[in-house]
């Protein structure tokens, strides 16, 4: 389930994206720069396709992960805010599940 708020006329998919990696190796370090380096060293998929929420009303979001069946993968949620005045949306998510 997911919802969005403070969109100010924008779209949440312009701020949030979901990616998959088969080769990400998590950093064991507490140092932020080493954690970021590990994220950047991985190969990440193009953003997964979803029907994104347009309001604070929770909706279910579904995307096919058929290309990854039987594989160990990492899923990353990327949030990017812009310097546009009034566009710093929030994205709420609960009950993230990956299933066949």
C-alpha atoms as a PDB file:
ATOM      1  CA  UNK A   1       0.000   0.000   0.000  1.00  0.00           C
ATOM      2  CA  UNK A   2       1.249   3.472  -0.799  1.00  0.00           C
ATOM      3  CA  UNK A   3       0.101   7.072  -0.746  1.00  0.00           C
ATOM      4  CA  UNK A   4       1.553  10.482  -1.525  1.00  0.00           C
ATOM      5  CA  UNK A   5       1.154  13.984  -0.163  1.00  0.00           C
ATOM      6  CA  UNK A   6       2.385  17.547  -0.789  1.00  0.00           C
ATOM      7  CA  UNK A   7       2.424  17.027  -4.548  1.00  0.00           C
ATOM      8  CA  UNK A   8       1.675  20.689  -5.325  1.00  0.00           C
ATOM      9  CA  UNK A   9       0.610  19.803  -8.854  1.00  0.00           C
ATOM     10  CA  UNK A  10       3.586  17.499  -9.453  1.00  0.00           C
ATOM     11  CA  UNK A  11       3.681  13.727  -9.864  1.00  0.00           C
ATOM     12  CA  UNK A  12       5.165  11.423  -7.234  1.00  0.00           C
ATOM     13  CA  UNK A  13       6.903   9.378  -9.966  1.00  0.00           C
ATOM     14  CA  UNK A  14       9.054  12.457 -10.640  1.00  0.00           C
ATOM     15  CA  UNK A  15      10.416  12.146  -7.085  1.00  0.00           C
ATOM     16  CA  UNK A  16      10.320   8.394  -6.329  1.00  0.00           C
ATOM     17  CA  UNK A  17      11.513   5.448  -8.399  1.00  0.00           C
ATOM     18  CA  UNK A  18      12.032   1.737  -7.728  1.00  0.00           C
ATOM     19  CA  UNK A  19      15.000  -0.181  -9.128  1.00  0.00           C
ATOM     20  CA  UNK A  20      16.343  -3.759  -8.975  1.00  0.00           C
ATOM     21  CA  UNK A  21      19.936  -4.991  -8.865  1.00  0.00           C
ATOM     22  CA  UNK A  22      21.344  -8.501  -9.205  1.00  0.00           C
ATOM     23  CA  UNK A  23      24.930  -7.480  -8.389  1.00  0.00           C
ATOM     24  CA  UNK A  24      24.634  -5.033  -5.475  1.00  0.00           C
ATOM     25  CA  UNK A  25      27.029  -5.877  -2.637  1.00  0.00           C
ATOM     26  CA  UNK A  26      25.972  -4.062   0.542  1.00  0.00           C
ATOM     27  CA  UNK A  27      28.681  -2.179   2.402  1.00  0.00           C
ATOM     28  CA  UNK A  28      29.475  -3.411   5.889  1.00  0.00           C
ATOM     29  CA  UNK A  29      30.846  -0.002   6.804  1.00  0.00           C
ATOM     30  CA  UNK A  30      29.101   2.623   8.931  1.00  0.00           C
ATOM     31  CA  UNK A  31      30.680   5.321   6.761  1.00  0.00           C
ATOM     32  CA  UNK A  32      28.148   6.992   4.476  1.00  0.00           C
ATOM     33  CA  UNK A  33      30.633   7.514   1.635  1.00  0.00           C
ATOM     34  CA  UNK A  34      31.403   3.761   1.539  1.00  0.00           C
ATOM     35  CA  UNK A  35      27.690   2.910   1.559  1.00  0.00           C
ATOM     36  CA  UNK A  36      27.090   5.330  -1.328  1.00  0.00           C
ATOM     37  CA  UNK A  37      30.061   3.886  -3.222  1.00  0.00           C
ATOM     38  CA  UNK A  38      28.569   0.380  -2.903  1.00  0.00           C
ATOM     39  CA  UNK A  39      25.244   1.635  -4.273  1.00  0.00           C
ATOM     40  CA  UNK A  40      26.961   3.368  -7.186  1.00  0.00           C
ATOM     41  CA  UNK A  41      29.079   0.296  -8.000  1.00  0.00           C
ATOM     42  CA  UNK A  42      25.980  -1.835  -8.601  1.00  0.00           C
ATOM     43  CA  UNK A  43      24.057  -2.130 -11.855  1.00  0.00           C
ATOM     44  CA  UNK A  44      20.466  -0.983 -11.337  1.00  0.00           C
ATOM     45  CA  UNK A  45      17.462  -1.609 -13.581  1.00  0.00           C
ATOM     46  CA  UNK A  46      15.492   1.100 -15.284  1.00  0.00           C
ATOM     47  CA  UNK A  47      12.667   2.264 -12.998  1.00  0.00           C
ATOM     48  CA  UNK A  48       9.934  -0.341 -12.527  1.00  0.00           C
ATOM     49  CA  UNK A  49       6.550   0.598 -13.914  1.00  0.00           C
ATOM     50  CA  UNK A  50       3.715   1.227 -11.439  1.00  0.00           C
ATOM     51  CA  UNK A  51       0.375   2.938 -11.118  1.00  0.00           C
ATOM     52  CA  UNK A  52       1.512   5.652  -8.706  1.00  0.00           C
ATOM     53  CA  UNK A  53      -0.646   7.210  -5.970  1.00  0.00           C
ATOM     54  CA  UNK A  54      -1.977  10.689  -6.687  1.00  0.00           C
ATOM     55  CA  UNK A  55      -3.200  11.582  -3.199  1.00  0.00           C
ATOM     56  CA  UNK A  56      -3.138  10.592   0.462  1.00  0.00           C
ATOM     57  CA  UNK A  57      -5.595   7.782  -0.363  1.00  0.00           C
ATOM     58  CA  UNK A  58      -3.689   4.482  -0.098  1.00  0.00           C
ATOM     59  CA  UNK A  59      -3.572   2.324  -3.213  1.00  0.00           C
ATOM     60  CA  UNK A  60      -1.966  -1.027  -4.005  1.00  0.00           C
ATOM     61  CA  UNK A  61       1.001  -0.805  -6.340  1.00  0.00           C
ATOM     62  CA  UNK A  62       1.908  -3.754  -8.566  1.00  0.00           C
ATOM     63  CA  UNK A  63       4.801  -4.324 -10.952  1.00  0.00           C
ATOM     64  CA  UNK A  64       6.064  -7.376 -12.793  1.00  0.00           C
ATOM     65  CA  UNK A  65       9.354  -8.804 -11.612  1.00  0.00           C
ATOM     66  CA  UNK A  66       9.145 -11.804 -13.953  1.00  0.00           C
ATOM     67  CA  UNK A  67      12.711 -11.174 -15.170  1.00  0.00           C
ATOM     68  CA  UNK A  68      13.999 -11.864 -11.655  1.00  0.00           C
ATOM     69  CA  UNK A  69      12.157 -15.088 -10.740  1.00  0.00           C
ATOM     70  CA  UNK A  70      14.556 -17.483  -8.995  1.00  0.00           C
ATOM     71  CA  UNK A  71      17.267 -14.834  -8.615  1.00  0.00           C
ATOM     72  CA  UNK A  72      18.578 -13.078  -5.529  1.00  0.00           C
ATOM     73  CA  UNK A  73      17.919  -9.374  -6.021  1.00  0.00           C
ATOM     74  CA  UNK A  74      18.004  -6.109  -4.129  1.00  0.00           C
ATOM     75  CA  UNK A  75      15.210  -3.581  -4.466  1.00  0.00           C
ATOM     76  CA  UNK A  76      16.022   0.109  -4.047  1.00  0.00           C
ATOM     77  CA  UNK A  77      13.611   2.977  -3.504  1.00  0.00           C
ATOM     78  CA  UNK A  78      15.097   6.224  -4.752  1.00  0.00           C
ATOM     79  CA  UNK A  79      13.741   9.589  -3.595  1.00  0.00           C
ATOM     80  CA  UNK A  80      14.894  12.778  -5.296  1.00  0.00           C
ATOM     81  CA  UNK A  81      13.566  16.191  -4.359  1.00  0.00           C
ATOM     82  CA  UNK A  82      13.969  19.152  -6.658  1.00  0.00           C
ATOM     83  CA  UNK A  83      14.674  22.775  -5.945  1.00  0.00           C
ATOM     84  CA  UNK A  84      11.275  23.678  -7.396  1.00  0.00           C
ATOM     85  CA  UNK A  85       9.428  25.825  -4.871  1.00  0.00           C
ATOM     86  CA  UNK A  86       6.618  23.845  -3.281  1.00  0.00           C
ATOM     87  CA  UNK A  87       7.619  20.448  -4.701  1.00  0.00           C
ATOM     88  CA  UNK A  88       8.937  18.276  -1.909  1.00  0.00           C
ATOM     89  CA  UNK A  89       6.354  15.472  -1.862  1.00  0.00           C
ATOM     90  CA  UNK A  90       6.110  12.723   0.694  1.00  0.00           C
ATOM     91  CA  UNK A  91       5.681   9.053  -0.179  1.00  0.00           C
ATOM     92  CA  UNK A  92       4.253   6.579   2.328  1.00  0.00           C
ATOM     93  CA  UNK A  93       4.585   2.828   1.916  1.00  0.00           C
ATOM     94  CA  UNK A  94       3.511  -0.128   4.027  1.00  0.00           C
ATOM     95  CA  UNK A  95       3.552  -3.884   3.567  1.00  0.00           C
ATOM     96  CA  UNK A  96       6.139  -4.177   0.809  1.00  0.00           C
ATOM     97  CA  UNK A  97       5.909  -7.733  -0.576  1.00  0.00           C
ATOM     98  CA  UNK A  98       7.619  -9.576  -3.433  1.00  0.00           C
ATOM     99  CA  UNK A  99       5.815 -12.745  -4.495  1.00  0.00           C
ATOM    100  CA  UNK A 100       5.333 -14.994  -7.497  1.00  0.00           C
END
